[in-house]
């Protein structure tokens, strides 16, 4: 038997709305131009009855133009949704990453179209309208092989052949 489900098509965009989610992975990356960012992979939980289960949002937290750090406002909102207030300092990216991984929260999203006045091109981007505490704090998401987070590689000089 073969089951084809049109709700799981590749071109189906997640609709605007409120979703129970969690951060599945975070990594430091850079564009070919060298512009640095933190990639935040947010998954829609499959242990909650809601549409678009297992779909992923990728959010980029960009390095400030002066190079003094990343713009972390979204992480501040998420940390507050976890029930924490105040300023939090992390000694490493790995420490910060561990503090955010696989903790549930709720987001309200919408799609916003903007126009680049210089080129005339229009872009549609995901916009986080609200970040709130979860109504279901026990995370029982069933992970697929693709959803398993990849740990950063730790390579030392001894690992290199030159």
N, C-alpha and C. Protein backbone atom coordinates (compact mmCIF):
# COMPACT_ATOMS: atom_id res chain seq x y z
N UNK A 1 0.84 -1.17 0.00
CA UNK A 1 0.00 0.00 0.00
C UNK A 1 0.89 1.25 0.00
N UNK A 2 0.45 2.26 -0.73
CA UNK A 2 1.19 3.52 -0.82
C UNK A 2 0.25 4.65 -0.40
N UNK A 3 0.74 5.48 0.51
CA UNK A 3 -0.08 6.57 1.04
C UNK A 3 0.56 7.89 0.66
N UNK A 4 -0.11 8.67 -0.18
CA UNK A 4 0.37 9.98 -0.58
C UNK A 4 -0.49 11.02 0.13
N UNK A 5 0.17 11.90 0.88
CA UNK A 5 -0.53 12.90 1.69
C UNK A 5 -0.17 14.29 1.17
N UNK A 6 -1.13 15.01 0.63
CA UNK A 6 -0.86 16.34 0.06
C UNK A 6 -0.49 17.37 1.11
N UNK A 7 -0.75 17.10 2.39
CA UNK A 7 -0.39 18.06 3.44
C UNK A 7 1.10 18.01 3.75
N UNK A 8 1.82 17.04 3.20
CA UNK A 8 3.25 16.92 3.46
C UNK A 8 4.08 17.24 2.22
N UNK A 9 3.50 18.00 1.30
CA UNK A 9 4.20 18.37 0.07
C UNK A 9 5.33 19.35 0.33
N UNK A 10 6.31 19.37 -0.56
CA UNK A 10 7.48 20.22 -0.39
C UNK A 10 7.15 21.70 -0.49
N UNK A 11 6.14 22.06 -1.26
CA UNK A 11 5.83 23.46 -1.47
C UNK A 11 4.84 24.02 -0.47
N UNK A 12 4.45 23.22 0.50
CA UNK A 12 3.49 23.68 1.50
C UNK A 12 4.21 24.50 2.57
N UNK A 13 3.93 25.78 2.60
CA UNK A 13 4.54 26.66 3.58
C UNK A 13 3.77 26.60 4.89
N UNK A 14 4.48 26.63 5.99
CA UNK A 14 3.85 26.66 7.31
C UNK A 14 2.99 27.91 7.38
N UNK A 15 1.75 27.74 7.76
CA UNK A 15 0.82 28.87 7.83
C UNK A 15 1.12 29.74 9.03
N UNK A 16 0.74 31.01 8.92
CA UNK A 16 0.85 31.91 10.06
C UNK A 16 0.01 31.35 11.20
N UNK A 17 0.52 31.47 12.41
CA UNK A 17 -0.21 30.95 13.56
C UNK A 17 0.67 30.78 14.76
N UNK A 18 0.16 30.09 15.77
CA UNK A 18 0.88 29.84 17.02
C UNK A 18 1.23 28.37 17.09
N UNK A 19 2.48 28.07 17.42
CA UNK A 19 2.98 26.69 17.43
C UNK A 19 3.79 26.41 18.70
N UNK A 20 3.69 25.17 19.15
CA UNK A 20 4.55 24.66 20.22
C UNK A 20 5.82 24.14 19.54
N UNK A 21 6.99 24.64 19.98
CA UNK A 21 8.24 24.37 19.29
C UNK A 21 9.38 24.15 20.30
N UNK A 22 10.57 23.87 19.77
CA UNK A 22 11.79 23.83 20.57
C UNK A 22 12.98 24.02 19.64
N UNK A 23 14.11 24.44 20.21
CA UNK A 23 15.35 24.57 19.42
C UNK A 23 15.99 23.20 19.36
N UNK A 24 16.17 22.71 18.15
CA UNK A 24 16.77 21.40 17.97
C UNK A 24 18.28 21.49 17.77
N UNK A 25 18.75 22.59 17.22
CA UNK A 25 20.19 22.73 17.01
C UNK A 25 20.54 24.21 16.85
N UNK A 26 21.78 24.55 17.19
CA UNK A 26 22.33 25.88 16.96
C UNK A 26 23.77 25.69 16.52
N UNK A 27 24.19 26.49 15.54
CA UNK A 27 25.57 26.40 15.08
C UNK A 27 26.05 27.77 14.62
N UNK A 28 27.35 27.99 14.76
CA UNK A 28 27.95 29.22 14.25
C UNK A 28 28.36 28.95 12.80
N UNK A 29 27.97 29.86 11.90
CA UNK A 29 28.24 29.68 10.48
C UNK A 29 28.62 31.01 9.85
N UNK A 30 28.97 30.95 8.57
CA UNK A 30 29.31 32.17 7.83
C UNK A 30 28.92 32.00 6.37
N UNK A 31 28.54 33.10 5.75
CA UNK A 31 28.26 33.11 4.32
C UNK A 31 29.60 33.07 3.56
N UNK A 32 29.60 32.75 2.28
CA UNK A 32 30.84 32.80 1.50
C UNK A 32 31.52 34.18 1.56
N UNK A 33 30.71 35.22 1.78
CA UNK A 33 31.26 36.58 1.88
C UNK A 33 32.00 36.80 3.20
N UNK A 34 31.82 35.88 4.15
CA UNK A 34 32.46 36.01 5.45
C UNK A 34 31.54 36.54 6.53
N UNK A 35 30.33 36.98 6.18
CA UNK A 35 29.38 37.49 7.18
C UNK A 35 28.95 36.36 8.10
N UNK A 36 29.19 36.54 9.40
CA UNK A 36 28.95 35.48 10.39
C UNK A 36 27.55 35.56 10.97
N UNK A 37 27.02 34.38 11.35
CA UNK A 37 25.71 34.30 11.98
C UNK A 37 25.62 33.01 12.79
N UNK A 38 24.62 33.00 13.69
CA UNK A 38 24.26 31.78 14.40
C UNK A 38 23.00 31.25 13.73
N UNK A 39 23.05 30.01 13.30
CA UNK A 39 21.89 29.36 12.71
C UNK A 39 21.12 28.65 13.83
N UNK A 40 19.83 28.97 13.96
CA UNK A 40 18.98 28.39 15.00
C UNK A 40 17.91 27.56 14.30
N UNK A 41 17.92 26.25 14.54
CA UNK A 41 16.94 25.34 13.95
C UNK A 41 15.82 25.11 14.96
N UNK A 42 14.62 25.55 14.63
CA UNK A 42 13.46 25.44 15.50
C UNK A 42 12.50 24.43 14.88
N UNK A 43 12.12 23.41 15.65
CA UNK A 43 11.21 22.37 15.18
C UNK A 43 9.83 22.54 15.78
N UNK A 44 8.79 22.27 14.97
CA UNK A 44 7.43 22.21 15.48
C UNK A 44 7.24 20.83 16.08
N UNK A 45 6.85 20.80 17.33
CA UNK A 45 6.74 19.54 18.08
C UNK A 45 5.73 18.59 17.46
N UNK A 46 6.06 17.27 17.52
CA UNK A 46 5.12 16.26 17.05
C UNK A 46 4.42 15.54 18.20
N UNK A 47 4.70 15.94 19.42
CA UNK A 47 4.02 15.36 20.57
C UNK A 47 2.83 16.22 21.02
N UNK A 48 2.50 17.22 20.21
CA UNK A 48 1.39 18.11 20.46
C UNK A 48 0.50 18.07 19.22
N UNK A 49 -0.81 17.99 19.42
CA UNK A 49 -1.73 17.97 18.28
C UNK A 49 -1.77 19.37 17.68
N UNK A 50 -1.09 19.54 16.54
CA UNK A 50 -1.02 20.82 15.84
C UNK A 50 -0.61 20.57 14.40
N UNK A 51 -0.94 21.48 13.51
CA UNK A 51 -0.53 21.29 12.12
C UNK A 51 0.97 21.49 11.95
N UNK A 52 1.49 20.98 10.87
CA UNK A 52 2.89 21.16 10.46
C UNK A 52 3.89 20.55 11.44
N UNK A 53 3.51 19.46 12.09
CA UNK A 53 4.45 18.78 12.99
C UNK A 53 5.71 18.40 12.24
N UNK A 54 6.84 18.48 12.92
CA UNK A 54 8.16 18.13 12.40
C UNK A 54 8.72 19.12 11.38
N UNK A 55 8.00 20.18 11.08
CA UNK A 55 8.54 21.18 10.15
C UNK A 55 9.53 22.04 10.91
N UNK A 56 10.48 22.56 10.18
CA UNK A 56 11.59 23.30 10.79
C UNK A 56 11.64 24.73 10.28
N UNK A 57 11.93 25.67 11.19
CA UNK A 57 12.25 27.04 10.84
C UNK A 57 13.75 27.18 11.03
N UNK A 58 14.40 27.91 10.17
CA UNK A 58 15.81 28.24 10.38
C UNK A 58 15.88 29.75 10.54
N UNK A 59 16.37 30.16 11.66
CA UNK A 59 16.51 31.59 11.93
C UNK A 59 18.00 31.92 12.00
N UNK A 60 18.39 33.06 11.45
CA UNK A 60 19.78 33.50 11.50
C UNK A 60 19.91 34.69 12.43
N UNK A 61 20.84 34.59 13.37
CA UNK A 61 21.15 35.68 14.29
C UNK A 61 22.48 36.26 13.84
N UNK A 62 22.44 37.44 13.26
CA UNK A 62 23.60 38.01 12.58
C UNK A 62 24.60 38.65 13.53
N UNK A 63 25.85 38.62 13.11
CA UNK A 63 26.92 39.34 13.81
C UNK A 63 26.66 40.84 13.63
N UNK A 64 26.87 41.59 14.69
CA UNK A 64 26.73 43.04 14.61
C UNK A 64 27.72 43.59 13.59
N UNK A 65 27.36 44.70 12.96
CA UNK A 65 28.21 45.30 11.92
C UNK A 65 29.59 45.66 12.44
N UNK A 66 29.68 46.02 13.72
CA UNK A 66 30.98 46.38 14.28
C UNK A 66 31.78 45.16 14.75
N UNK A 67 31.20 43.96 14.60
CA UNK A 67 31.91 42.72 14.94
C UNK A 67 32.03 42.43 16.42
N UNK A 68 31.24 43.12 17.26
CA UNK A 68 31.39 42.95 18.71
C UNK A 68 30.51 41.85 19.29
N UNK A 69 29.80 41.12 18.47
CA UNK A 69 28.94 40.03 18.95
C UNK A 69 27.71 39.89 18.09
N UNK A 70 26.92 38.90 18.41
CA UNK A 70 25.71 38.62 17.65
C UNK A 70 24.51 39.38 18.21
N UNK A 71 23.50 39.60 17.38
CA UNK A 71 22.24 40.19 17.82
C UNK A 71 21.41 39.03 18.37
N UNK A 72 21.25 38.96 19.68
CA UNK A 72 20.64 37.81 20.36
C UNK A 72 19.27 38.10 20.96
N UNK A 73 18.53 39.07 20.39
CA UNK A 73 17.23 39.43 20.93
C UNK A 73 16.27 38.25 20.93
N UNK A 74 16.27 37.43 19.88
CA UNK A 74 15.38 36.27 19.84
C UNK A 74 15.69 35.31 20.97
N UNK A 75 16.98 35.07 21.23
CA UNK A 75 17.35 34.17 22.33
C UNK A 75 16.94 34.75 23.68
N UNK A 76 16.99 36.07 23.81
CA UNK A 76 16.52 36.71 25.04
C UNK A 76 15.03 36.46 25.25
N UNK A 77 14.25 36.56 24.18
CA UNK A 77 12.82 36.29 24.29
C UNK A 77 12.55 34.83 24.63
N UNK A 78 13.33 33.93 24.04
CA UNK A 78 13.17 32.50 24.32
C UNK A 78 13.55 32.20 25.77
N UNK A 79 14.66 32.77 26.23
CA UNK A 79 15.11 32.55 27.61
C UNK A 79 14.03 33.03 28.59
N UNK A 80 13.40 34.16 28.28
CA UNK A 80 12.32 34.67 29.13
C UNK A 80 11.13 33.71 29.11
N UNK A 81 10.83 33.11 27.94
CA UNK A 81 9.74 32.14 27.83
C UNK A 81 10.03 30.89 28.67
N UNK A 82 11.33 30.60 28.90
CA UNK A 82 11.70 29.48 29.77
C UNK A 82 11.46 29.81 31.24
N UNK A 83 11.14 31.08 31.53
CA UNK A 83 10.89 31.48 32.92
C UNK A 83 12.07 32.15 33.58
N UNK A 84 13.07 32.56 32.79
CA UNK A 84 14.26 33.20 33.34
C UNK A 84 14.24 34.70 33.04
N UNK A 85 14.67 35.48 33.98
CA UNK A 85 14.75 36.93 33.83
C UNK A 85 16.18 37.39 34.05
N UNK A 86 16.54 38.49 33.44
CA UNK A 86 17.86 39.07 33.69
C UNK A 86 18.82 38.85 32.55
N UNK A 87 20.08 39.09 32.85
CA UNK A 87 21.15 38.97 31.85
C UNK A 87 21.93 37.69 32.12
N UNK A 88 22.26 36.98 31.05
CA UNK A 88 22.96 35.71 31.17
C UNK A 88 24.23 35.76 30.33
N UNK A 89 25.34 35.43 30.94
CA UNK A 89 26.63 35.43 30.25
C UNK A 89 27.12 33.99 30.13
N UNK A 90 27.58 33.64 28.96
CA UNK A 90 28.09 32.29 28.69
C UNK A 90 29.56 32.39 28.32
N UNK A 91 30.37 31.48 28.83
CA UNK A 91 31.80 31.53 28.56
C UNK A 91 32.14 30.96 27.18
N UNK A 92 31.21 30.24 26.56
CA UNK A 92 31.47 29.68 25.23
C UNK A 92 30.16 29.50 24.49
N UNK A 93 30.28 29.37 23.16
CA UNK A 93 29.10 29.11 22.35
C UNK A 93 28.48 27.77 22.76
N UNK A 94 29.31 26.76 23.02
CA UNK A 94 28.82 25.44 23.41
C UNK A 94 27.97 25.52 24.68
N UNK A 95 28.39 26.32 25.64
CA UNK A 95 27.63 26.47 26.89
C UNK A 95 26.28 27.12 26.62
N UNK A 96 26.27 28.16 25.78
CA UNK A 96 25.02 28.83 25.45
C UNK A 96 24.11 27.87 24.69
N UNK A 97 24.66 27.16 23.73
CA UNK A 97 23.90 26.20 22.92
C UNK A 97 23.20 25.18 23.81
N UNK A 98 23.92 24.60 24.75
CA UNK A 98 23.35 23.59 25.65
C UNK A 98 22.21 24.14 26.49
N UNK A 99 22.29 25.42 26.83
CA UNK A 99 21.26 26.04 27.66
C UNK A 99 19.93 26.19 26.92
N UNK A 100 19.96 26.20 25.58
CA UNK A 100 18.75 26.42 24.79
C UNK A 100 18.21 25.17 24.11
N UNK A 101 19.02 24.15 23.93
CA UNK A 101 18.58 22.98 23.17
C UNK A 101 17.46 22.21 23.85
N UNK A 102 16.49 21.84 23.04
CA UNK A 102 15.42 20.90 23.39
C UNK A 102 14.59 21.29 24.61
N UNK A 103 14.39 22.59 24.75
CA UNK A 103 13.48 23.09 25.79
C UNK A 103 12.28 23.72 25.06
N UNK A 104 11.06 23.31 25.39
CA UNK A 104 9.90 23.78 24.65
C UNK A 104 9.50 25.22 24.97
N UNK A 105 8.93 25.86 23.97
CA UNK A 105 8.34 27.19 24.11
C UNK A 105 7.30 27.34 23.00
N UNK A 106 6.64 28.48 22.96
CA UNK A 106 5.58 28.70 21.99
C UNK A 106 5.91 29.94 21.16
N UNK A 107 5.65 29.88 19.86
CA UNK A 107 5.87 31.04 19.00
C UNK A 107 4.62 31.35 18.19
N UNK A 108 4.46 32.62 17.92
CA UNK A 108 3.43 33.08 16.99
C UNK A 108 4.18 33.65 15.80
N UNK A 109 3.89 33.11 14.60
CA UNK A 109 4.63 33.53 13.41
C UNK A 109 3.69 34.10 12.36
N UNK A 110 4.29 34.85 11.45
CA UNK A 110 3.57 35.36 10.28
C UNK A 110 4.60 35.52 9.17
N UNK A 111 4.12 35.65 7.96
CA UNK A 111 4.98 35.87 6.80
C UNK A 111 4.86 37.32 6.40
N UNK A 112 5.99 37.99 6.21
CA UNK A 112 6.02 39.40 5.89
C UNK A 112 6.75 39.59 4.57
N UNK A 113 6.14 40.34 3.66
CA UNK A 113 6.76 40.63 2.37
C UNK A 113 7.32 42.04 2.41
N UNK A 114 8.59 42.16 2.07
CA UNK A 114 9.24 43.47 2.01
C UNK A 114 9.80 43.67 0.61
N UNK A 115 9.96 44.91 0.24
CA UNK A 115 10.47 45.24 -1.09
C UNK A 115 11.78 45.99 -0.97
N UNK A 116 12.79 45.51 -1.68
CA UNK A 116 14.07 46.21 -1.75
C UNK A 116 13.90 47.35 -2.74
N UNK A 117 13.91 48.57 -2.24
CA UNK A 117 13.67 49.74 -3.09
C UNK A 117 14.74 49.90 -4.16
N UNK A 118 15.96 49.49 -3.87
CA UNK A 118 17.06 49.64 -4.84
C UNK A 118 16.91 48.70 -6.03
N UNK A 119 16.50 47.46 -5.77
CA UNK A 119 16.40 46.47 -6.85
C UNK A 119 14.98 46.22 -7.31
N UNK A 120 14.00 46.59 -6.48
CA UNK A 120 12.61 46.34 -6.82
C UNK A 120 12.15 44.93 -6.51
N UNK A 121 13.05 44.09 -6.01
CA UNK A 121 12.69 42.71 -5.70
C UNK A 121 11.92 42.65 -4.39
N UNK A 122 10.96 41.71 -4.35
CA UNK A 122 10.21 41.47 -3.13
C UNK A 122 10.66 40.18 -2.49
N UNK A 123 10.72 40.18 -1.16
CA UNK A 123 11.14 39.01 -0.38
C UNK A 123 10.09 38.71 0.67
N UNK A 124 9.77 37.44 0.82
CA UNK A 124 8.83 37.02 1.86
C UNK A 124 9.62 36.24 2.90
N UNK A 125 9.56 36.71 4.14
CA UNK A 125 10.32 36.12 5.22
C UNK A 125 9.43 35.79 6.41
N UNK A 126 9.85 34.78 7.15
CA UNK A 126 9.17 34.39 8.37
C UNK A 126 9.46 35.44 9.44
N UNK A 127 8.42 35.83 10.17
CA UNK A 127 8.57 36.85 11.21
C UNK A 127 8.01 36.28 12.52
N UNK A 128 8.81 36.33 13.57
CA UNK A 128 8.37 35.90 14.90
C UNK A 128 7.66 37.07 15.56
N UNK A 129 6.35 36.93 15.75
CA UNK A 129 5.57 38.01 16.36
C UNK A 129 5.62 37.97 17.88
N UNK A 130 5.60 36.74 18.43
CA UNK A 130 5.62 36.56 19.88
C UNK A 130 6.38 35.29 20.22
N UNK A 131 7.03 35.31 21.37
CA UNK A 131 7.63 34.11 21.96
C UNK A 131 7.07 34.03 23.37
N UNK A 132 6.44 32.89 23.70
CA UNK A 132 5.76 32.73 24.98
C UNK A 132 6.14 31.41 25.63
N UNK A 133 5.86 31.28 26.92
CA UNK A 133 6.07 29.98 27.58
C UNK A 133 5.17 28.91 26.95
N UNK A 134 5.63 27.69 26.98
CA UNK A 134 4.83 26.58 26.48
C UNK A 134 3.67 26.29 27.41
N UNK A 135 2.63 25.72 26.84
CA UNK A 135 1.52 25.26 27.67
C UNK A 135 1.70 23.78 28.01
N UNK A 136 2.71 23.14 27.39
CA UNK A 136 2.99 21.71 27.59
C UNK A 136 4.49 21.52 27.83
N UNK A 137 4.95 21.66 29.08
CA UNK A 137 6.39 21.68 29.35
C UNK A 137 7.13 20.35 29.19
N UNK A 138 6.44 19.23 29.19
CA UNK A 138 7.12 17.93 29.01
C UNK A 138 7.32 17.69 27.52
N UNK A 139 8.58 17.63 27.08
CA UNK A 139 8.89 17.41 25.67
C UNK A 139 9.00 15.91 25.41
N UNK A 140 8.08 15.38 24.61
CA UNK A 140 8.07 13.97 24.26
C UNK A 140 8.12 13.80 22.74
N UNK A 141 8.78 14.71 22.07
CA UNK A 141 8.91 14.69 20.62
C UNK A 141 9.61 13.39 20.18
N UNK A 142 9.11 12.76 19.13
CA UNK A 142 9.74 11.57 18.57
C UNK A 142 10.66 12.02 17.43
N UNK A 143 11.97 11.89 17.64
CA UNK A 143 12.95 12.40 16.69
C UNK A 143 13.18 11.44 15.54
N UNK A 144 13.27 12.00 14.33
CA UNK A 144 13.65 11.21 13.17
C UNK A 144 15.18 11.24 13.07
N UNK A 145 15.74 10.42 12.22
CA UNK A 145 17.20 10.40 12.05
C UNK A 145 17.72 11.76 11.60
N UNK A 146 16.97 12.46 10.75
CA UNK A 146 17.38 13.78 10.26
C UNK A 146 17.38 14.84 11.35
N UNK A 147 16.55 14.64 12.37
CA UNK A 147 16.39 15.64 13.42
C UNK A 147 17.41 15.50 14.55
N UNK A 148 18.22 14.47 14.52
CA UNK A 148 19.23 14.30 15.56
C UNK A 148 20.26 15.41 15.41
N UNK A 149 20.51 16.17 16.47
CA UNK A 149 21.47 17.27 16.34
C UNK A 149 22.88 16.75 16.13
N UNK A 150 23.63 17.48 15.35
CA UNK A 150 25.02 17.12 15.09
C UNK A 150 25.92 17.91 16.03
N UNK A 151 26.74 17.20 16.75
CA UNK A 151 27.66 17.86 17.67
C UNK A 151 28.78 18.51 16.86
N UNK A 152 29.25 19.67 17.27
CA UNK A 152 30.37 20.30 16.57
C UNK A 152 31.61 19.41 16.63
N UNK A 153 32.37 19.42 15.55
CA UNK A 153 33.62 18.66 15.52
C UNK A 153 34.69 19.39 16.32
N UNK A 154 35.40 18.67 17.14
CA UNK A 154 36.52 19.24 17.89
C UNK A 154 37.80 18.70 17.27
N UNK A 155 38.50 19.55 16.52
CA UNK A 155 39.71 19.15 15.84
C UNK A 155 40.87 19.89 16.47
N UNK A 156 41.90 19.13 16.84
CA UNK A 156 43.11 19.74 17.43
C UNK A 156 44.22 19.70 16.39
N UNK A 157 45.32 20.35 16.67
CA UNK A 157 46.47 20.34 15.77
C UNK A 157 47.00 18.93 15.56
N UNK A 158 46.86 18.05 16.55
CA UNK A 158 47.32 16.67 16.43
C UNK A 158 46.52 15.88 15.41
N UNK A 159 45.29 16.32 15.11
CA UNK A 159 44.44 15.64 14.15
C UNK A 159 44.81 15.98 12.70
N UNK A 160 45.58 17.04 12.50
CA UNK A 160 45.90 17.52 11.16
C UNK A 160 47.19 16.87 10.64
N UNK A 161 47.21 16.51 9.35
CA UNK A 161 48.39 15.84 8.79
C UNK A 161 49.54 16.78 8.45
N UNK A 162 49.36 18.05 8.61
CA UNK A 162 50.43 19.00 8.24
C UNK A 162 50.76 19.93 9.37
